[in-house]
Amino acid sequence: MYRVVLDNVEIGWTLLEQAEPSMGVVGGKIFFQGEVSLYELFLEHCRSHNVTINDLDANLEYIDTQCIPELRIYSQDGSEIEGLGSHINGMKDGGYDVTILGIPYPFYDEEFPHHVAEYHARFRSTD
């Protein structure tokens, strides 16, 4: 389980269950722990911090952002999962995902060995 922190405030957690190891990418659904909707939280944050919003639909509470510098993801031991940046996308009914881009090796391999093993297993020969 990984803590999701925005502006130094813990807003939820994620399992970082999605991955593309060849590109140093990992992501997952955010399990929110707050009163305000994630849509409103991220919309307000992006507007007040001049973060580009790629797409937005208020009726669906859909948001897709560029990287949010103040968005941080921490492992259970408290270390930050650092990459080139983290962004959010999703909608109220389907949930919101966080994606961390460009996580360097060897850190990626050490933190996410299960994702790396699954990736390599996909390309093994069945001979």
N, C-alpha and C. Protein backbone atom coordinates (compact mmCIF):
# COMPACT_ATOMS: atom_id res chain seq x y z
N MET A 1 0.85 -1.17 0.00
CA MET A 1 0.00 0.00 0.00
C MET A 1 0.90 1.24 0.00
N TYR A 2 0.51 2.22 -0.78
CA TYR A 2 1.28 3.46 -0.93
C TYR A 2 0.40 4.64 -0.57
N ARG A 3 0.96 5.58 0.18
CA ARG A 3 0.23 6.78 0.60
C ARG A 3 0.25 7.81 -0.52
N VAL A 4 -0.90 8.45 -0.76
CA VAL A 4 -1.03 9.52 -1.75
C VAL A 4 -1.12 10.83 -0.99
N VAL A 5 -0.19 11.75 -1.29
CA VAL A 5 -0.08 13.01 -0.56
C VAL A 5 -0.13 14.17 -1.54
N LEU A 6 -0.97 15.15 -1.25
CA LEU A 6 -1.08 16.36 -2.06
C LEU A 6 -0.87 17.56 -1.16
N ASP A 7 0.08 18.42 -1.51
CA ASP A 7 0.39 19.60 -0.68
C ASP A 7 0.68 19.21 0.77
N ASN A 8 1.43 18.14 0.95
CA ASN A 8 1.84 17.66 2.28
C ASN A 8 0.68 17.16 3.14
N VAL A 9 -0.47 16.87 2.52
CA VAL A 9 -1.63 16.33 3.23
C VAL A 9 -1.96 14.96 2.63
N GLU A 10 -2.01 13.94 3.47
CA GLU A 10 -2.36 12.61 2.98
C GLU A 10 -3.83 12.60 2.60
N ILE A 11 -4.10 12.25 1.33
CA ILE A 11 -5.48 12.25 0.84
C ILE A 11 -6.02 10.85 0.57
N GLY A 12 -5.15 9.85 0.61
CA GLY A 12 -5.62 8.50 0.35
C GLY A 12 -4.46 7.54 0.17
N TRP A 13 -4.78 6.41 -0.48
CA TRP A 13 -3.77 5.39 -0.71
C TRP A 13 -4.05 4.69 -2.02
N THR A 14 -3.04 3.96 -2.50
CA THR A 14 -3.15 3.21 -3.74
C THR A 14 -2.30 1.95 -3.64
N LEU A 15 -2.64 0.97 -4.43
CA LEU A 15 -1.83 -0.26 -4.48
C LEU A 15 -0.79 -0.21 -5.60
N LEU A 16 -0.87 0.80 -6.47
CA LEU A 16 0.00 0.89 -7.64
C LEU A 16 0.01 -0.45 -8.38
N GLU A 17 -1.19 -0.88 -8.71
CA GLU A 17 -1.39 -2.21 -9.30
C GLU A 17 -1.19 -2.27 -10.81
N GLN A 18 -1.04 -1.14 -11.45
CA GLN A 18 -0.85 -1.10 -12.91
C GLN A 18 0.60 -0.72 -13.19
N ALA A 19 1.18 -1.30 -14.26
CA ALA A 19 2.59 -1.01 -14.53
C ALA A 19 2.95 -1.18 -15.99
N GLU A 20 3.95 -0.43 -16.39
CA GLU A 20 4.63 -0.60 -17.67
C GLU A 20 6.13 -0.46 -17.37
N PRO A 21 6.75 -1.57 -16.89
CA PRO A 21 8.14 -1.52 -16.45
C PRO A 21 9.12 -1.02 -17.49
N SER A 22 8.89 -1.32 -18.76
CA SER A 22 9.85 -0.90 -19.79
C SER A 22 9.97 0.61 -19.89
N MET A 23 8.95 1.32 -19.41
CA MET A 23 8.96 2.78 -19.46
C MET A 23 9.09 3.41 -18.07
N GLY A 24 9.26 2.59 -17.04
CA GLY A 24 9.38 3.12 -15.69
C GLY A 24 8.10 3.74 -15.18
N VAL A 25 6.96 3.16 -15.57
CA VAL A 25 5.65 3.71 -15.22
C VAL A 25 4.92 2.76 -14.29
N VAL A 26 4.26 3.34 -13.30
CA VAL A 26 3.42 2.57 -12.39
C VAL A 26 2.22 3.45 -12.02
N GLY A 27 1.09 2.82 -11.74
CA GLY A 27 -0.09 3.59 -11.37
C GLY A 27 -1.11 2.73 -10.67
N GLY A 28 -2.16 3.38 -10.19
CA GLY A 28 -3.22 2.64 -9.52
C GLY A 28 -4.36 3.52 -9.09
N LYS A 29 -5.43 2.87 -8.76
CA LYS A 29 -6.63 3.55 -8.28
C LYS A 29 -6.35 4.20 -6.93
N ILE A 30 -6.89 5.40 -6.75
CA ILE A 30 -6.75 6.11 -5.48
C ILE A 30 -7.95 5.79 -4.61
N PHE A 31 -7.68 5.34 -3.40
CA PHE A 31 -8.72 5.13 -2.40
C PHE A 31 -8.68 6.35 -1.50
N PHE A 32 -9.69 7.19 -1.64
CA PHE A 32 -9.72 8.52 -1.05
C PHE A 32 -10.21 8.47 0.38
N GLN A 33 -9.61 9.30 1.23
CA GLN A 33 -10.04 9.40 2.62
C GLN A 33 -10.31 10.87 2.93
N GLY A 34 -11.46 11.34 2.47
CA GLY A 34 -11.76 12.74 2.72
C GLY A 34 -13.22 13.06 2.48
N GLU A 35 -13.58 14.26 2.83
CA GLU A 35 -14.96 14.73 2.72
C GLU A 35 -15.28 15.29 1.33
N VAL A 36 -14.32 16.00 0.75
CA VAL A 36 -14.50 16.64 -0.55
C VAL A 36 -14.25 15.60 -1.64
N SER A 37 -14.90 15.74 -2.78
CA SER A 37 -14.66 14.79 -3.87
C SER A 37 -13.25 14.97 -4.42
N LEU A 38 -12.67 13.89 -4.91
CA LEU A 38 -11.35 13.98 -5.53
C LEU A 38 -11.37 14.92 -6.72
N TYR A 39 -12.46 14.90 -7.47
CA TYR A 39 -12.60 15.81 -8.61
C TYR A 39 -12.44 17.25 -8.16
N GLU A 40 -13.19 17.66 -7.15
CA GLU A 40 -13.12 19.04 -6.65
C GLU A 40 -11.73 19.34 -6.09
N LEU A 41 -11.17 18.39 -5.38
CA LEU A 41 -9.85 18.58 -4.78
C LEU A 41 -8.79 18.84 -5.85
N PHE A 42 -8.75 17.98 -6.87
CA PHE A 42 -7.75 18.13 -7.92
C PHE A 42 -8.04 19.32 -8.83
N LEU A 43 -9.30 19.58 -9.11
CA LEU A 43 -9.66 20.73 -9.93
C LEU A 43 -9.18 22.02 -9.26
N GLU A 44 -9.49 22.18 -8.00
CA GLU A 44 -9.08 23.38 -7.26
C GLU A 44 -7.56 23.47 -7.18
N HIS A 45 -6.91 22.36 -6.89
CA HIS A 45 -5.45 22.37 -6.80
C HIS A 45 -4.83 22.78 -8.14
N CYS A 46 -5.27 22.17 -9.22
CA CYS A 46 -4.69 22.48 -10.54
C CYS A 46 -4.91 23.94 -10.91
N ARG A 47 -6.09 24.45 -10.65
CA ARG A 47 -6.36 25.86 -10.97
C ARG A 47 -5.52 26.80 -10.13
N SER A 48 -5.38 26.52 -8.86
CA SER A 48 -4.64 27.43 -7.98
C SER A 48 -3.12 27.31 -8.13
N HIS A 49 -2.63 26.20 -8.71
CA HIS A 49 -1.19 26.00 -8.89
C HIS A 49 -0.78 26.01 -10.37
N ASN A 50 -1.69 26.44 -11.23
CA ASN A 50 -1.40 26.54 -12.67
C ASN A 50 -0.92 25.22 -13.29
N VAL A 51 -1.54 24.13 -12.88
CA VAL A 51 -1.26 22.82 -13.46
C VAL A 51 -2.20 22.64 -14.65
N THR A 52 -1.65 22.25 -15.78
CA THR A 52 -2.46 22.07 -16.98
C THR A 52 -3.44 20.92 -16.81
N ILE A 53 -4.69 21.18 -17.17
CA ILE A 53 -5.74 20.15 -17.19
C ILE A 53 -5.94 19.77 -18.65
N ASN A 54 -5.67 18.51 -18.98
CA ASN A 54 -5.79 18.04 -20.36
C ASN A 54 -7.24 17.96 -20.80
N ASP A 55 -8.10 17.48 -19.92
CA ASP A 55 -9.51 17.29 -20.25
C ASP A 55 -10.32 17.37 -18.97
N LEU A 56 -11.56 17.80 -19.13
CA LEU A 56 -12.40 18.07 -17.96
C LEU A 56 -13.86 17.94 -18.38
N ASP A 57 -14.68 17.30 -17.55
CA ASP A 57 -16.12 17.24 -17.77
C ASP A 57 -16.80 17.31 -16.41
N ALA A 58 -17.37 18.46 -16.11
CA ALA A 58 -17.98 18.69 -14.79
C ALA A 58 -19.16 17.75 -14.55
N ASN A 59 -19.93 17.42 -15.59
CA ASN A 59 -21.09 16.55 -15.42
C ASN A 59 -20.69 15.15 -14.96
N LEU A 60 -19.60 14.64 -15.50
CA LEU A 60 -19.12 13.30 -15.13
C LEU A 60 -18.10 13.36 -14.00
N GLU A 61 -17.72 14.57 -13.60
CA GLU A 61 -16.62 14.78 -12.66
C GLU A 61 -15.37 14.07 -13.16
N TYR A 62 -15.10 14.27 -14.45
CA TYR A 62 -13.93 13.69 -15.11
C TYR A 62 -12.81 14.72 -15.15
N ILE A 63 -11.60 14.27 -14.84
CA ILE A 63 -10.43 15.14 -14.92
C ILE A 63 -9.22 14.33 -15.37
N ASP A 64 -8.42 14.94 -16.23
CA ASP A 64 -7.16 14.36 -16.69
C ASP A 64 -6.14 15.48 -16.67
N THR A 65 -5.08 15.32 -15.88
CA THR A 65 -4.13 16.40 -15.67
C THR A 65 -2.75 16.10 -16.25
N GLN A 66 -1.97 17.14 -16.40
CA GLN A 66 -0.53 17.00 -16.62
C GLN A 66 0.08 16.66 -15.26
N CYS A 67 1.38 16.55 -15.19
CA CYS A 67 2.04 16.22 -13.92
C CYS A 67 1.79 17.31 -12.88
N ILE A 68 1.53 16.86 -11.67
CA ILE A 68 1.24 17.75 -10.54
C ILE A 68 2.44 17.72 -9.60
N PRO A 69 3.26 18.78 -9.58
CA PRO A 69 4.48 18.77 -8.76
C PRO A 69 4.25 18.51 -7.28
N GLU A 70 3.12 18.92 -6.75
CA GLU A 70 2.85 18.78 -5.31
C GLU A 70 2.24 17.42 -4.95
N LEU A 71 2.08 16.54 -5.92
CA LEU A 71 1.52 15.20 -5.70
C LEU A 71 2.67 14.23 -5.44
N ARG A 72 2.62 13.57 -4.31
CA ARG A 72 3.69 12.65 -3.91
C ARG A 72 3.09 11.30 -3.52
N ILE A 73 3.86 10.25 -3.80
CA ILE A 73 3.46 8.90 -3.43
C ILE A 73 4.58 8.32 -2.57
N TYR A 74 4.19 7.74 -1.42
CA TYR A 74 5.17 7.20 -0.47
C TYR A 74 4.90 5.73 -0.21
N SER A 75 5.99 4.96 -0.11
CA SER A 75 5.88 3.54 0.23
C SER A 75 5.63 3.40 1.72
N GLN A 76 5.40 2.17 2.16
CA GLN A 76 5.12 1.93 3.58
C GLN A 76 6.29 2.29 4.48
N ASP A 77 7.51 2.23 3.94
CA ASP A 77 8.67 2.60 4.76
C ASP A 77 8.93 4.11 4.76
N GLY A 78 8.07 4.86 4.07
CA GLY A 78 8.18 6.32 4.06
C GLY A 78 8.99 6.90 2.93
N SER A 79 9.58 6.05 2.08
CA SER A 79 10.36 6.59 0.97
C SER A 79 9.44 7.01 -0.17
N GLU A 80 9.81 8.12 -0.80
CA GLU A 80 9.00 8.64 -1.90
C GLU A 80 9.28 7.85 -3.17
N ILE A 81 8.22 7.56 -3.92
CA ILE A 81 8.36 6.92 -5.22
C ILE A 81 8.56 8.07 -6.21
N GLU A 82 9.81 8.32 -6.56
CA GLU A 82 10.13 9.47 -7.39
C GLU A 82 10.28 9.08 -8.85
N GLY A 83 9.71 9.90 -9.70
CA GLY A 83 9.84 9.75 -11.14
C GLY A 83 9.92 11.12 -11.76
N LEU A 84 9.65 11.19 -13.04
CA LEU A 84 9.64 12.48 -13.72
C LEU A 84 8.43 13.31 -13.32
N GLY A 85 7.37 12.65 -12.87
CA GLY A 85 6.17 13.36 -12.44
C GLY A 85 5.01 12.41 -12.25
N SER A 86 3.97 12.92 -11.60
CA SER A 86 2.75 12.13 -11.33
C SER A 86 1.55 12.91 -11.80
N HIS A 87 0.61 12.21 -12.41
CA HIS A 87 -0.61 12.88 -12.85
C HIS A 87 -1.83 12.05 -12.47
N ILE A 88 -2.99 12.68 -12.61
CA ILE A 88 -4.27 12.09 -12.22
C ILE A 88 -5.19 12.02 -13.43
N ASN A 89 -5.97 10.96 -13.52
CA ASN A 89 -7.09 10.94 -14.46
C ASN A 89 -8.17 10.01 -13.93
N GLY A 90 -9.39 10.29 -14.35
CA GLY A 90 -10.51 9.46 -13.94
C GLY A 90 -11.77 10.26 -13.76
N MET A 91 -12.82 9.55 -13.33
CA MET A 91 -14.11 10.20 -13.11
C MET A 91 -14.79 9.61 -11.89
N LYS A 92 -15.81 10.30 -11.43
CA LYS A 92 -16.50 9.92 -10.20
C LYS A 92 -16.96 8.46 -10.23
N ASP A 93 -17.64 8.05 -11.29
CA ASP A 93 -18.19 6.69 -11.33
C ASP A 93 -17.14 5.60 -11.48
N GLY A 94 -16.06 5.89 -12.19
CA GLY A 94 -15.04 4.87 -12.42
C GLY A 94 -13.85 4.94 -11.48
N GLY A 95 -13.78 6.00 -10.73
CA GLY A 95 -12.65 6.19 -9.82
C GLY A 95 -11.54 6.99 -10.47
N TYR A 96 -10.58 7.37 -9.66
CA TYR A 96 -9.46 8.19 -10.10
C TYR A 96 -8.17 7.41 -9.93
N ASP A 97 -7.29 7.53 -10.92
CA ASP A 97 -6.01 6.84 -10.91
C ASP A 97 -4.88 7.85 -10.83
N VAL A 98 -3.82 7.45 -10.16
CA VAL A 98 -2.56 8.20 -10.16
C VAL A 98 -1.57 7.41 -11.00
N THR A 99 -0.78 8.11 -11.80
CA THR A 99 0.26 7.47 -12.60
C THR A 99 1.57 8.20 -12.35
N ILE A 100 2.61 7.44 -12.06
CA ILE A 100 3.95 8.00 -11.87
C ILE A 100 4.76 7.62 -13.10
N LEU A 101 5.32 8.62 -13.75
CA LEU A 101 6.06 8.43 -14.99
C LEU A 101 7.57 8.48 -14.74
N GLY A 102 8.31 7.69 -15.50
CA GLY A 102 9.77 7.80 -15.52
C GLY A 102 10.48 7.47 -14.23
N ILE A 103 10.06 6.42 -13.56
CA ILE A 103 10.77 5.97 -12.35
C ILE A 103 12.06 5.30 -12.81
N PRO A 104 13.21 5.73 -12.29
CA PRO A 104 14.48 5.18 -12.77
C PRO A 104 14.77 3.78 -12.24
N TYR A 105 15.59 3.08 -13.01
CA TYR A 105 16.16 1.82 -12.56
C TYR A 105 17.49 2.15 -11.89
N PRO A 106 17.93 1.42 -10.89
CA PRO A 106 17.41 0.15 -10.41
C PRO A 106 16.28 0.29 -9.39
N PHE A 107 15.92 1.52 -9.00
CA PHE A 107 14.87 1.69 -7.99
C PHE A 107 13.58 0.98 -8.40
N TYR A 108 13.18 1.13 -9.67
CA TYR A 108 11.94 0.51 -10.14
C TYR A 108 11.97 -1.00 -9.89
N ASP A 109 13.07 -1.61 -10.27
CA ASP A 109 13.21 -3.06 -10.12
C ASP A 109 13.17 -3.49 -8.65
N GLU A 110 13.74 -2.68 -7.78
CA GLU A 110 13.76 -2.99 -6.34
C GLU A 110 12.40 -2.78 -5.68
N GLU A 111 11.69 -1.73 -6.07
CA GLU A 111 10.40 -1.41 -5.44
C GLU A 111 9.25 -2.23 -6.02
N PHE A 112 9.35 -2.58 -7.30
CA PHE A 112 8.24 -3.27 -7.97
C PHE A 112 8.71 -4.56 -8.65
N PRO A 113 9.36 -5.47 -7.92
CA PRO A 113 9.86 -6.69 -8.56
C PRO A 113 8.74 -7.54 -9.15
N HIS A 114 7.56 -7.50 -8.55
CA HIS A 114 6.43 -8.28 -9.07
C HIS A 114 5.99 -7.77 -10.44
N HIS A 115 6.01 -6.46 -10.64
CA HIS A 115 5.65 -5.90 -11.96
C HIS A 115 6.71 -6.27 -13.00
N VAL A 116 7.97 -6.21 -12.61
CA VAL A 116 9.06 -6.55 -13.53
C VAL A 116 8.98 -8.03 -13.90
N ALA A 117 8.73 -8.90 -12.93
CA ALA A 117 8.62 -10.33 -13.20
C ALA A 117 7.44 -10.63 -14.13
N GLU A 118 6.31 -9.99 -13.90
CA GLU A 118 5.14 -10.18 -14.77
C GLU A 118 5.44 -9.71 -16.18
N TYR A 119 6.14 -8.60 -16.30
CA TYR A 119 6.50 -8.05 -17.60
C TYR A 119 7.38 -9.04 -18.37
N HIS A 120 8.42 -9.55 -17.70
CA HIS A 120 9.32 -10.51 -18.36
C HIS A 120 8.60 -11.81 -18.70
N ALA A 121 7.68 -12.24 -17.86
CA ALA A 121 6.93 -13.48 -18.12
C ALA A 121 6.08 -13.37 -19.38
N ARG A 122 5.61 -12.17 -19.68
CA ARG A 122 4.79 -11.98 -20.90
C ARG A 122 5.59 -12.25 -22.16
N PHE A 123 6.90 -12.08 -22.09
CA PHE A 123 7.71 -12.17 -23.30
C PHE A 123 8.59 -13.42 -23.35
N ARG A 124 8.43 -14.30 -22.38
CA ARG A 124 9.20 -15.55 -22.38
C ARG A 124 8.71 -16.46 -23.50
N SER A 125 9.62 -17.17 -24.06
CA SER A 125 9.28 -18.13 -25.10
C SER A 125 8.54 -19.31 -24.47
N THR A 126 7.60 -19.86 -25.18
CA THR A 126 6.84 -21.02 -24.69
C THR A 126 7.40 -22.32 -25.25
N ASP A 127 8.64 -22.26 -25.77
CA ASP A 127 9.27 -23.46 -26.36
C ASP A 127 9.47 -24.54 -25.33
